[in-house]
Amino acid sequence: AHSIEGHLGRSIREVSPELAGPLDPLIERVFRTGETLRQVDLTVTRRVPWGRSAYLADVYPFAWREGEISGVGLI
């Protein structure tokens, strides 16, 4: 686990590699379309005793530079 400061400036792949695969296409879609994706169901295989975790994710654009999305956030 990382502190909030440990997440800043790091990619999803660095913080939680198991989530990168399912989230990458969603992040790319938000960059491409600018739409907000709400309550997306994600089931992820993790290195934990129970093996799988389920999440609801919101993925949204949050920063713009020169009229283009330059950042995507997720909860």
PDB file of N, CA and C in Angstrom:
ATOM      1  N   ALA A   1       0.845  -1.189   0.000  1.00  0.00           N
ATOM      2  CA  ALA A   1       0.000   0.000   0.000  1.00  0.00           C
ATOM      3  C   ALA A   1       0.876   1.233   0.000  1.00  0.00           C
ATOM      4  N   HIS A   2       0.384   2.266  -0.675  1.00  0.00           N
ATOM      5  CA  HIS A   2       1.100   3.527  -0.785  1.00  0.00           C
ATOM      6  C   HIS A   2       0.317   4.623  -0.093  1.00  0.00           C
ATOM      7  N   SER A   3       1.032   5.607   0.422  1.00  0.00           N
ATOM      8  CA  SER A   3       0.385   6.800   0.943  1.00  0.00           C
ATOM      9  C   SER A   3      -0.135   7.613  -0.235  1.00  0.00           C
ATOM     10  N   ILE A   4      -0.929   8.639   0.041  1.00  0.00           N
ATOM     11  CA  ILE A   4      -1.401   9.527  -1.031  1.00  0.00           C
ATOM     12  C   ILE A   4      -0.202  10.077  -1.786  1.00  0.00           C
ATOM     13  N   GLU A   5       0.810  10.515  -1.060  1.00  0.00           N
ATOM     14  CA  GLU A   5       2.002  11.055  -1.709  1.00  0.00           C
ATOM     15  C   GLU A   5       2.693   9.999  -2.571  1.00  0.00           C
ATOM     16  N   GLY A   6       2.590   8.735  -2.167  1.00  0.00           N
ATOM     17  CA  GLY A   6       3.190   7.651  -2.935  1.00  0.00           C
ATOM     18  C   GLY A   6       2.480   7.370  -4.247  1.00  0.00           C
ATOM     19  N   HIS A   7       1.245   7.856  -4.405  1.00  0.00           N
ATOM     20  CA  HIS A   7       0.488   7.685  -5.650  1.00  0.00           C
ATOM     21  C   HIS A   7       0.743   8.825  -6.637  1.00  0.00           C
ATOM     22  N   LEU A   8       1.060  10.000  -6.133  1.00  0.00           N
ATOM     23  CA  LEU A   8       1.191  11.177  -6.992  1.00  0.00           C
ATOM     24  C   LEU A   8       2.297  10.989  -8.025  1.00  0.00           C
ATOM     25  N   GLY A   9       1.946  11.274  -9.274  1.00  0.00           N
ATOM     26  CA  GLY A   9       2.912  11.184 -10.352  1.00  0.00           C
ATOM     27  C   GLY A   9       3.214   9.777 -10.823  1.00  0.00           C
ATOM     28  N   ARG A  10       2.528   8.802 -10.286  1.00  0.00           N
ATOM     29  CA  ARG A  10       2.759   7.419 -10.680  1.00  0.00           C
ATOM     30  C   ARG A  10       1.604   6.930 -11.543  1.00  0.00           C
ATOM     31  N   SER A  11       1.898   6.025 -12.437  1.00  0.00           N
ATOM     32  CA  SER A  11       0.860   5.471 -13.310  1.00  0.00           C
ATOM     33  C   SER A  11       0.085   4.383 -12.570  1.00  0.00           C
ATOM     34  N   ILE A  12      -1.077   4.024 -13.114  1.00  0.00           N
ATOM     35  CA  ILE A  12      -1.860   2.918 -12.567  1.00  0.00           C
ATOM     36  C   ILE A  12      -1.012   1.648 -12.542  1.00  0.00           C
ATOM     37  N   ARG A  13      -0.263   1.430 -13.600  1.00  0.00           N
ATOM     38  CA  ARG A  13       0.565   0.222 -13.706  1.00  0.00           C
ATOM     39  C   ARG A  13       1.595   0.157 -12.572  1.00  0.00           C
ATOM     40  N   GLU A  14       2.119   1.310 -12.147  1.00  0.00           N
ATOM     41  CA  GLU A  14       3.096   1.335 -11.052  1.00  0.00           C
ATOM     42  C   GLU A  14       2.431   1.101  -9.693  1.00  0.00           C
ATOM     43  N   VAL A  15       1.251   1.668  -9.503  1.00  0.00           N
ATOM     44  CA  VAL A  15       0.582   1.595  -8.202  1.00  0.00           C
ATOM     45  C   VAL A  15      -0.157   0.275  -8.033  1.00  0.00           C
ATOM     46  N   SER A  16      -0.854  -0.163  -9.063  1.00  0.00           N
ATOM     47  CA  SER A  16      -1.650  -1.388  -8.972  1.00  0.00           C
ATOM     48  C   SER A  16      -1.648  -2.094 -10.327  1.00  0.00           C
ATOM     49  N   PRO A  17      -0.625  -2.885 -10.606  1.00  0.00           N
ATOM     50  CA  PRO A  17      -0.513  -3.531 -11.921  1.00  0.00           C
ATOM     51  C   PRO A  17      -1.736  -4.355 -12.306  1.00  0.00           C
ATOM     52  N   GLU A  18      -2.408  -4.954 -11.320  1.00  0.00           N
ATOM     53  CA  GLU A  18      -3.576  -5.787 -11.621  1.00  0.00           C
ATOM     54  C   GLU A  18      -4.719  -4.969 -12.224  1.00  0.00           C
ATOM     55  N   LEU A  19      -4.808  -3.689 -11.861  1.00  0.00           N
ATOM     56  CA  LEU A  19      -5.877  -2.837 -12.370  1.00  0.00           C
ATOM     57  C   LEU A  19      -5.548  -2.210 -13.722  1.00  0.00           C
ATOM     58  N   ALA A  20      -4.273  -2.177 -14.081  1.00  0.00           N
ATOM     59  CA  ALA A  20      -3.868  -1.501 -15.313  1.00  0.00           C
ATOM     60  C   ALA A  20      -4.537  -2.096 -16.541  1.00  0.00           C
ATOM     61  N   GLY A  21      -4.566  -3.411 -16.656  1.00  0.00           N
ATOM     62  CA  GLY A  21      -5.168  -4.042 -17.839  1.00  0.00           C
ATOM     63  C   GLY A  21      -6.614  -3.647 -18.054  1.00  0.00           C
ATOM     64  N   PRO A  22      -7.478  -3.788 -17.038  1.00  0.00           N
ATOM     65  CA  PRO A  22      -8.873  -3.407 -17.222  1.00  0.00           C
ATOM     66  C   PRO A  22      -9.082  -1.892 -17.357  1.00  0.00           C
ATOM     67  N   LEU A  23      -8.218  -1.087 -16.719  1.00  0.00           N
ATOM     68  CA  LEU A  23      -8.426   0.359 -16.743  1.00  0.00           C
ATOM     69  C   LEU A  23      -7.840   1.044 -17.971  1.00  0.00           C
ATOM     70  N   ASP A  24      -6.781   0.499 -18.551  1.00  0.00           N
ATOM     71  CA  ASP A  24      -6.138   1.146 -19.695  1.00  0.00           C
ATOM     72  C   ASP A  24      -7.116   1.511 -20.805  1.00  0.00           C
ATOM     73  N   PRO A  25      -7.994   0.594 -21.265  1.00  0.00           N
ATOM     74  CA  PRO A  25      -8.920   0.967 -22.343  1.00  0.00           C
ATOM     75  C   PRO A  25      -9.909   2.052 -21.907  1.00  0.00           C
ATOM     76  N   LEU A  26     -10.289   2.052 -20.632  1.00  0.00           N
ATOM     77  CA  LEU A  26     -11.215   3.080 -20.147  1.00  0.00           C
ATOM     78  C   LEU A  26     -10.541   4.444 -20.120  1.00  0.00           C
ATOM     79  N   ILE A  27      -9.314   4.479 -19.652  1.00  0.00           N
ATOM     80  CA  ILE A  27      -8.561   5.736 -19.620  1.00  0.00           C
ATOM     81  C   ILE A  27      -8.354   6.263 -21.033  1.00  0.00           C
ATOM     82  N   GLU A  28      -7.980   5.388 -21.955  1.00  0.00           N
ATOM     83  CA  GLU A  28      -7.798   5.793 -23.355  1.00  0.00           C
ATOM     84  C   GLU A  28      -9.099   6.344 -23.931  1.00  0.00           C
ATOM     85  N   ARG A  29     -10.224   5.716 -23.595  1.00  0.00           N
ATOM     86  CA  ARG A  29     -11.527   6.178 -24.096  1.00  0.00           C
ATOM     87  C   ARG A  29     -11.843   7.588 -23.595  1.00  0.00           C
ATOM     88  N   VAL A  30     -11.567   7.848 -22.315  1.00  0.00           N
ATOM     89  CA  VAL A  30     -11.823   9.183 -21.757  1.00  0.00           C
ATOM     90  C   VAL A  30     -10.913  10.213 -22.431  1.00  0.00           C
ATOM     91  N   PHE A  31      -9.642   9.887 -22.633  1.00  0.00           N
ATOM     92  CA  PHE A  31      -8.749  10.800 -23.352  1.00  0.00           C
ATOM     93  C   PHE A  31      -9.275  11.089 -24.757  1.00  0.00           C
ATOM     94  N   ARG A  32      -9.775  10.053 -25.436  1.00  0.00           N
ATOM     95  CA  ARG A  32     -10.231  10.183 -26.826  1.00  0.00           C
ATOM     96  C   ARG A  32     -11.548  10.937 -26.941  1.00  0.00           C
ATOM     97  N   THR A  33     -12.494  10.661 -26.032  1.00  0.00           N
ATOM     98  CA  THR A  33     -13.854  11.196 -26.193  1.00  0.00           C
ATOM     99  C   THR A  33     -14.187  12.344 -25.242  1.00  0.00           C
ATOM    100  N   GLY A  34     -13.500  12.433 -24.113  1.00  0.00           N
ATOM    101  CA  GLY A  34     -13.815  13.447 -23.118  1.00  0.00           C
ATOM    102  C   GLY A  34     -15.003  13.104 -22.243  1.00  0.00           C
ATOM    103  N   GLU A  35     -15.593  11.935 -22.457  1.00  0.00           N
ATOM    104  CA  GLU A  35     -16.763  11.567 -21.658  1.00  0.00           C
ATOM    105  C   GLU A  35     -16.340  11.049 -20.288  1.00  0.00           C
ATOM    106  N   THR A  36     -17.236  11.159 -19.322  1.00  0.00           N
ATOM    107  CA  THR A  36     -17.042  10.589 -17.996  1.00  0.00           C
ATOM    108  C   THR A  36     -17.716   9.227 -17.957  1.00  0.00           C
ATOM    109  N   LEU A  37     -16.997   8.234 -17.488  1.00  0.00           N
ATOM    110  CA  LEU A  37     -17.542   6.882 -17.365  1.00  0.00           C
ATOM    111  C   LEU A  37     -17.858   6.652 -15.894  1.00  0.00           C
ATOM    112  N   ARG A  38     -19.097   6.329 -15.588  1.00  0.00           N
ATOM    113  CA  ARG A  38     -19.532   6.192 -14.197  1.00  0.00           C
ATOM    114  C   ARG A  38     -19.894   4.749 -13.857  1.00  0.00           C
ATOM    115  N   GLN A  39     -19.479   4.346 -12.695  1.00  0.00           N
ATOM    116  CA  GLN A  39     -19.790   3.044 -12.112  1.00  0.00           C
ATOM    117  C   GLN A  39     -19.550   1.878 -13.079  1.00  0.00           C
ATOM    118  N   VAL A  40     -18.352   1.847 -13.616  1.00  0.00           N
ATOM    119  CA  VAL A  40     -17.940   0.760 -14.490  1.00  0.00           C
ATOM    120  C   VAL A  40     -17.564  -0.437 -13.606  1.00  0.00           C
ATOM    121  N   ASP A  41     -18.161  -1.590 -13.869  1.00  0.00           N
ATOM    122  CA  ASP A  41     -17.847  -2.801 -13.110  1.00  0.00           C
ATOM    123  C   ASP A  41     -16.502  -3.363 -13.551  1.00  0.00           C
ATOM    124  N   LEU A  42     -15.619  -3.595 -12.586  1.00  0.00           N
ATOM    125  CA  LEU A  42     -14.331  -4.224 -12.863  1.00  0.00           C
ATOM    126  C   LEU A  42     -14.155  -5.396 -11.914  1.00  0.00           C
ATOM    127  N   THR A  43     -13.814  -6.545 -12.455  1.00  0.00           N
ATOM    128  CA  THR A  43     -13.433  -7.682 -11.627  1.00  0.00           C
ATOM    129  C   THR A  43     -11.989  -7.990 -11.975  1.00  0.00           C
ATOM    130  N   VAL A  44     -11.151  -8.033 -10.967  1.00  0.00           N
ATOM    131  CA  VAL A  44      -9.710  -8.118 -11.180  1.00  0.00           C
ATOM    132  C   VAL A  44      -9.150  -9.297 -10.395  1.00  0.00           C
ATOM    133  N   THR A  45      -8.297 -10.076 -11.038  1.00  0.00           N
ATOM    134  CA  THR A  45      -7.578 -11.136 -10.344  1.00  0.00           C
ATOM    135  C   THR A  45      -6.390 -10.490  -9.645  1.00  0.00           C
ATOM    136  N   ARG A  46      -6.283 -10.718  -8.345  1.00  0.00           N
ATOM    137  CA  ARG A  46      -5.233 -10.090  -7.549  1.00  0.00           C
ATOM    138  C   ARG A  46      -4.448 -11.151  -6.794  1.00  0.00           C
ATOM    139  N   ARG A  47      -3.288 -10.746  -6.332  1.00  0.00           N
ATOM    140  CA  ARG A  47      -2.474 -11.634  -5.505  1.00  0.00           C
ATOM    141  C   ARG A  47      -2.925 -11.537  -4.047  1.00  0.00           C
ATOM    142  N   VAL A  48      -4.108 -12.039  -3.781  1.00  0.00           N
ATOM    143  CA  VAL A  48      -4.665 -12.072  -2.424  1.00  0.00           C
ATOM    144  C   VAL A  48      -5.258 -13.464  -2.204  1.00  0.00           C
ATOM    145  N   PRO A  49      -5.458 -13.865  -0.965  1.00  0.00           N
ATOM    146  CA  PRO A  49      -5.967 -15.229  -0.721  1.00  0.00           C
ATOM    147  C   PRO A  49      -7.276 -15.547  -1.431  1.00  0.00           C
ATOM    148  N   TRP A  50      -8.169 -14.587  -1.555  1.00  0.00           N
ATOM    149  CA  TRP A  50      -9.471 -14.852  -2.183  1.00  0.00           C
ATOM    150  C   TRP A  50      -9.406 -14.740  -3.696  1.00  0.00           C
ATOM    151  N   GLY A  51      -8.310 -14.217  -4.267  1.00  0.00           N
ATOM    152  CA  GLY A  51      -8.047 -14.294  -5.697  1.00  0.00           C
ATOM    153  C   GLY A  51      -8.667 -13.255  -6.603  1.00  0.00           C
ATOM    154  N   ARG A  52      -9.853 -12.743  -6.272  1.00  0.00           N
ATOM    155  CA  ARG A  52     -10.505 -11.779  -7.148  1.00  0.00           C
ATOM    156  C   ARG A  52     -11.087 -10.649  -6.316  1.00  0.00           C
ATOM    157  N   SER A  53     -11.087  -9.477  -6.899  1.00  0.00           N
ATOM    158  CA  SER A  53     -11.693  -8.315  -6.258  1.00  0.00           C
ATOM    159  C   SER A  53     -12.609  -7.640  -7.266  1.00  0.00           C
ATOM    160  N   ALA A  54     -13.700  -7.081  -6.787  1.00  0.00           N
ATOM    161  CA  ALA A  54     -14.638  -6.365  -7.656  1.00  0.00           C
ATOM    162  C   ALA A  54     -14.626  -4.888  -7.271  1.00  0.00           C
ATOM    163  N   TYR A  55     -14.720  -4.027  -8.287  1.00  0.00           N
ATOM    164  CA  TYR A  55     -14.689  -2.592  -8.079  1.00  0.00           C
ATOM    165  C   TYR A  55     -15.761  -1.928  -8.929  1.00  0.00           C
ATOM    166  N   LEU A  56     -16.200  -0.766  -8.509  1.00  0.00           N
ATOM    167  CA  LEU A  56     -16.960   0.153  -9.343  1.00  0.00           C
ATOM    168  C   LEU A  56     -16.049   1.347  -9.565  1.00  0.00           C
ATOM    169  N   ALA A  57     -15.817   1.720 -10.794  1.00  0.00           N
ATOM    170  CA  ALA A  57     -14.883   2.802 -11.090  1.00  0.00           C
ATOM    171  C   ALA A  57     -15.589   3.930 -11.822  1.00  0.00           C
ATOM    172  N   ASP A  58     -15.233   5.154 -11.464  1.00  0.00           N
ATOM    173  CA  ASP A  58     -15.586   6.342 -12.230  1.00  0.00           C
ATOM    174  C   ASP A  58     -14.293   6.850 -12.852  1.00  0.00           C
ATOM    175  N   VAL A  59     -14.304   7.092 -14.157  1.00  0.00           N
ATOM    176  CA  VAL A  59     -13.123   7.577 -14.862  1.00  0.00           C
ATOM    177  C   VAL A  59     -13.539   8.864 -15.568  1.00  0.00           C
ATOM    178  N   TYR A  60     -12.773   9.944 -15.360  1.00  0.00           N
ATOM    179  CA  TYR A  60     -13.221  11.251 -15.842  1.00  0.00           C
ATOM    180  C   TYR A  60     -12.036  12.127 -16.258  1.00  0.00           C
ATOM    181  N   PRO A  61     -12.279  13.022 -17.235  1.00  0.00           N
ATOM    182  CA  PRO A  61     -11.241  13.990 -17.597  1.00  0.00           C
ATOM    183  C   PRO A  61     -11.169  15.065 -16.511  1.00  0.00           C
ATOM    184  N   PHE A  62      -9.964  15.533 -16.184  1.00  0.00           N
ATOM    185  CA  PHE A  62      -9.894  16.578 -15.171  1.00  0.00           C
ATOM    186  C   PHE A  62      -8.911  17.689 -15.475  1.00  0.00           C
ATOM    187  N   ALA A  63      -8.144  17.575 -16.503  1.00  0.00           N
ATOM    188  CA  ALA A  63      -7.201  18.645 -16.825  1.00  0.00           C
ATOM    189  C   ALA A  63      -7.164  18.842 -18.336  1.00  0.00           C
ATOM    190  N   TRP A  64      -7.059  20.083 -18.727  1.00  0.00           N
ATOM    191  CA  TRP A  64      -6.995  20.405 -20.142  1.00  0.00           C
ATOM    192  C   TRP A  64      -5.786  21.298 -20.388  1.00  0.00           C
ATOM    193  N   ARG A  65      -5.129  21.085 -21.505  1.00  0.00           N
ATOM    194  CA  ARG A  65      -4.015  21.919 -21.927  1.00  0.00           C
ATOM    195  C   ARG A  65      -4.221  22.222 -23.396  1.00  0.00           C
ATOM    196  N   GLU A  66      -4.285  23.495 -23.692  1.00  0.00           N
ATOM    197  CA  GLU A  66      -4.468  23.940 -25.078  1.00  0.00           C
ATOM    198  C   GLU A  66      -5.665  23.265 -25.734  1.00  0.00           C
ATOM    199  N   GLY A  67      -6.767  23.165 -24.989  1.00  0.00           N
ATOM    200  CA  GLY A  67      -8.002  22.618 -25.533  1.00  0.00           C
ATOM    201  C   GLY A  67      -8.092  21.105 -25.584  1.00  0.00           C
ATOM    202  N   GLU A  68      -7.064  20.406 -25.131  1.00  0.00           N
ATOM    203  CA  GLU A  68      -7.085  18.950 -25.147  1.00  0.00           C
ATOM    204  C   GLU A  68      -6.969  18.409 -23.727  1.00  0.00           C
ATOM    205  N   ILE A  69      -7.551  17.243 -23.494  1.00  0.00           N
ATOM    206  CA  ILE A  69      -7.473  16.613 -22.184  1.00  0.00           C
ATOM    207  C   ILE A  69      -6.034  16.222 -21.917  1.00  0.00           C
ATOM    208  N   SER A  70      -5.517  16.624 -20.761  1.00  0.00           N
ATOM    209  CA  SER A  70      -4.141  16.287 -20.422  1.00  0.00           C
ATOM    210  C   SER A  70      -4.058  15.442 -19.151  1.00  0.00           C
ATOM    211  N   GLY A  71      -5.217  15.138 -18.560  1.00  0.00           N
ATOM    212  CA  GLY A  71      -5.215  14.308 -17.368  1.00  0.00           C
ATOM    213  C   GLY A  71      -6.534  13.605 -17.194  1.00  0.00           C
ATOM    214  N   VAL A  72      -6.470  12.411 -16.665  1.00  0.00           N
ATOM    215  CA  VAL A  72      -7.655  11.603 -16.384  1.00  0.00           C
ATOM    216  C   VAL A  72      -7.573  11.167 -14.932  1.00  0.00           C
ATOM    217  N   GLY A  73      -8.708  11.273 -14.231  1.00  0.00           N
ATOM    218  CA  GLY A  73      -8.771  10.827 -12.854  1.00  0.00           C
ATOM    219  C   GLY A  73      -9.681   9.630 -12.734  1.00  0.00           C
ATOM    220  N   LEU A  74      -9.525   8.911 -11.635  1.00  0.00           N
ATOM    221  CA  LEU A  74     -10.434   7.805 -11.401  1.00  0.00           C
ATOM    222  C   LEU A  74     -10.625   7.591  -9.920  1.00  0.00           C
ATOM    223  N   ILE A  75     -11.807   7.122  -9.625  1.00  0.00           N
ATOM    224  CA  ILE A  75     -12.178   6.798  -8.247  1.00  0.00           C
ATOM    225  C   ILE A  75     -12.650   5.361  -8.249  1.00  0.00           C
TER     226      ILE A  75
END
